[in-house]
Protein backbone atom coordinates (compact mmCIF):
# COMPACT_ATOMS: atom_id res chain seq x y z
CA UNK A 1 0.00 0.00 0.00
CA UNK A 2 3.12 2.18 -0.12
CA UNK A 3 2.62 4.43 -3.14
CA UNK A 4 6.08 5.98 -2.75
CA UNK A 5 7.75 2.56 -3.01
CA UNK A 6 5.71 1.74 -6.12
CA UNK A 7 6.65 5.09 -7.68
CA UNK A 8 10.36 4.44 -7.07
CA UNK A 9 10.09 0.90 -8.44
CA UNK A 10 8.26 2.15 -11.53
CA UNK A 11 10.85 4.88 -12.15
CA UNK A 12 13.67 2.36 -11.77
CA UNK A 13 11.99 -0.02 -14.23
CA UNK A 14 11.70 2.87 -16.69
CA UNK A 15 15.42 3.70 -16.32
CA UNK A 16 16.35 0.04 -16.86
CA UNK A 17 14.14 -0.32 -19.93
CA UNK A 18 11.72 -2.68 -18.20
CA UNK A 19 8.62 -0.51 -18.06
CA UNK A 20 6.77 -2.41 -20.77
CA UNK A 21 7.29 -5.77 -19.06
CA UNK A 22 6.44 -4.84 -15.47
CA UNK A 23 3.23 -4.00 -13.65
CA UNK A 24 3.27 -2.07 -10.38
CA UNK A 25 0.26 -2.08 -8.09
CA UNK A 26 -0.33 -0.10 -4.90
CA UNK A 27 -3.25 -1.70 -3.15
CA UNK A 28 -4.48 -4.53 -1.04
CA UNK A 29 -3.23 -7.98 -2.05
CA UNK A 30 -6.82 -9.02 -2.75
CA UNK A 31 -6.97 -6.44 -5.59
CA UNK A 32 -4.46 -8.41 -7.65
CA UNK A 33 -5.71 -10.88 -10.22
CA UNK A 34 -4.37 -12.56 -13.34
CA UNK A 35 -1.26 -14.63 -13.95
CA UNK A 36 2.30 -13.30 -13.74
CA UNK A 37 5.67 -14.82 -14.62
CA UNK A 38 7.33 -13.36 -11.51
CA UNK A 39 6.15 -11.91 -8.22
CA UNK A 40 8.62 -10.04 -6.01
CA UNK A 41 7.38 -9.07 -2.58
CA UNK A 42 8.37 -7.83 0.83
CA UNK A 43 5.28 -8.71 2.86
CA UNK A 44 4.82 -7.68 6.49
CA UNK A 45 6.92 -10.05 8.59
CA UNK A 46 4.24 -10.84 11.14
CA UNK A 47 6.34 -9.48 14.00
CA UNK A 48 3.72 -6.91 15.03
CA UNK A 49 0.75 -8.97 13.81
CA UNK A 50 1.29 -12.72 13.76
CA UNK A 51 0.60 -14.30 10.36
CA UNK A 52 0.45 -10.95 8.52
CA UNK A 53 2.59 -12.36 5.69
CA UNK A 54 0.32 -15.33 4.95
CA UNK A 55 -2.24 -13.61 2.75
CA UNK A 56 0.55 -12.09 0.65
CA UNK A 57 2.33 -15.40 0.19
CA UNK A 58 -0.94 -17.15 -0.63
CA UNK A 59 -1.84 -14.50 -3.24
CA UNK A 60 1.67 -14.60 -4.75
CA UNK A 61 1.39 -18.38 -5.19
CA UNK A 62 -2.07 -17.97 -6.71
CA UNK A 63 -0.99 -15.47 -9.39
CA UNK A 64 2.74 -16.08 -9.90
CA UNK A 65 4.85 -18.81 -11.48
CA UNK A 66 8.06 -17.68 -9.77
CA UNK A 67 7.87 -15.95 -6.40
CA UNK A 68 10.66 -14.10 -4.63
CA UNK A 69 9.51 -13.30 -1.12
CA UNK A 70 11.31 -11.79 1.88
CA UNK A 71 10.56 -13.19 5.34
CA UNK A 72 11.96 -12.71 8.81
CA UNK A 73 14.60 -15.32 9.68
CA UNK A 74 13.03 -17.72 12.20
CA UNK A 75 15.52 -17.02 14.99
CA UNK A 76 18.01 -14.42 16.17
CA UNK A 77 21.35 -15.87 15.18
CA UNK A 78 24.29 -13.64 16.19
CA UNK A 79 26.79 -15.92 14.42
CA UNK A 80 24.80 -15.69 11.17
CA UNK A 81 24.60 -11.90 11.50
CA UNK A 82 28.40 -11.78 11.87
CA UNK A 83 28.87 -14.10 8.86
CA UNK A 84 26.61 -11.84 6.78
CA UNK A 85 28.51 -8.73 7.88
CA UNK A 86 31.75 -10.42 6.86
CA UNK A 87 30.23 -11.50 3.53
CA UNK A 88 29.78 -7.79 2.64
CA UNK A 89 26.51 -8.01 0.79
CA UNK A 90 26.70 -11.61 -0.33
CA UNK A 91 23.77 -13.89 0.26
CA UNK A 92 24.22 -17.07 2.26
CA UNK A 93 22.12 -20.12 1.47
CA UNK A 94 20.13 -21.36 4.47
CA UNK A 95 17.45 -23.94 5.22
CA UNK A 96 13.81 -22.87 4.87
CA UNK A 97 11.57 -22.41 7.86
CA UNK A 98 9.54 -25.60 8.27
CA UNK A 99 6.40 -23.47 8.68
CA UNK A 100 6.92 -21.52 5.45
CA UNK A 101 7.96 -24.63 3.54
CA UNK A 102 4.78 -26.43 4.67
CA UNK A 103 2.60 -23.37 3.91
CA UNK A 104 4.09 -23.10 0.41
CA UNK A 105 3.55 -26.82 -0.23
CA UNK A 106 -0.09 -26.59 0.93
CA UNK A 107 -0.60 -23.76 -1.58
CA UNK A 108 0.82 -25.66 -4.56
CA UNK A 109 4.34 -24.29 -4.47
CA UNK A 110 7.88 -25.58 -3.97
CA UNK A 111 10.68 -23.76 -2.15
CA UNK A 112 13.65 -23.90 -4.55
CA UNK A 113 16.15 -22.05 -2.36
CA UNK A 114 16.42 -19.72 0.62
CA UNK A 115 19.11 -17.06 1.01
CA UNK A 116 19.85 -15.10 4.18
CA UNK A 117 20.74 -11.43 3.91
CA UNK A 118 21.39 -8.72 6.44
CA UNK A 119 18.89 -5.87 6.68
CA UNK A 120 19.55 -2.80 8.79
CA UNK A 121 16.39 -1.01 9.85
CA UNK A 122 16.66 2.59 11.06
CA UNK A 123 14.35 3.85 13.82
CA UNK A 124 11.20 4.72 11.87
CA UNK A 125 8.26 3.86 14.09
CA UNK A 126 7.27 4.60 17.69
CA UNK A 127 7.66 0.94 18.66
CA UNK A 128 11.32 0.92 17.50
CA UNK A 129 13.58 1.19 20.54
CA UNK A 130 17.00 1.42 18.84
CA UNK A 131 18.47 3.93 16.37
CA UNK A 132 19.17 1.03 14.04
CA UNK A 133 18.68 -2.69 14.22
CA UNK A 134 20.33 -5.49 12.22
CA UNK A 135 18.07 -8.41 11.35
CA UNK A 136 18.47 -11.46 9.19
CA UNK A 137 15.95 -11.67 6.38
CA UNK A 138 15.39 -14.75 4.25
CA UNK A 139 14.79 -14.44 0.52
CA UNK A 140 12.62 -17.37 -0.56
CA UNK A 141 12.79 -18.53 -4.17
CA UNK A 142 9.52 -20.35 -4.83
CA UNK A 143 8.08 -22.04 -7.90
CA UNK A 144 4.39 -22.65 -8.39
CA UNK A 145 3.51 -26.29 -9.18
CA UNK A 146 0.87 -25.01 -11.62
CA UNK A 147 3.36 -23.46 -14.08
């Protein structure tokens, strides 16, 4: 629902010559219909509201053949955070969360790979207690069984 993010993505696609092959939508996930080759998403992680990412993942699997979806790493792993800092931007392959893997399977998808990456979040909301916070985020590469 972030119109500014969609505007930036659209402008970037234009600069990269991809504007005729991309569709950008600012709206509720339920507003999306059709079939797409690729869905890229950063759904809510469900930290503030448990399960908030589920409807996004379900919709992505319904409409997309390939889904790239960011999710909160299932545990705080200080060693993994240090490895990611040392990797300087590289992704590290990790095992999928058993919950997400099961959810994807139940919705006719297959997790092809999962990559951990380091995300630094600045203090942006009232509930943030630190000036910045490093978290591990997992990038799921998912294929729909229906494609």
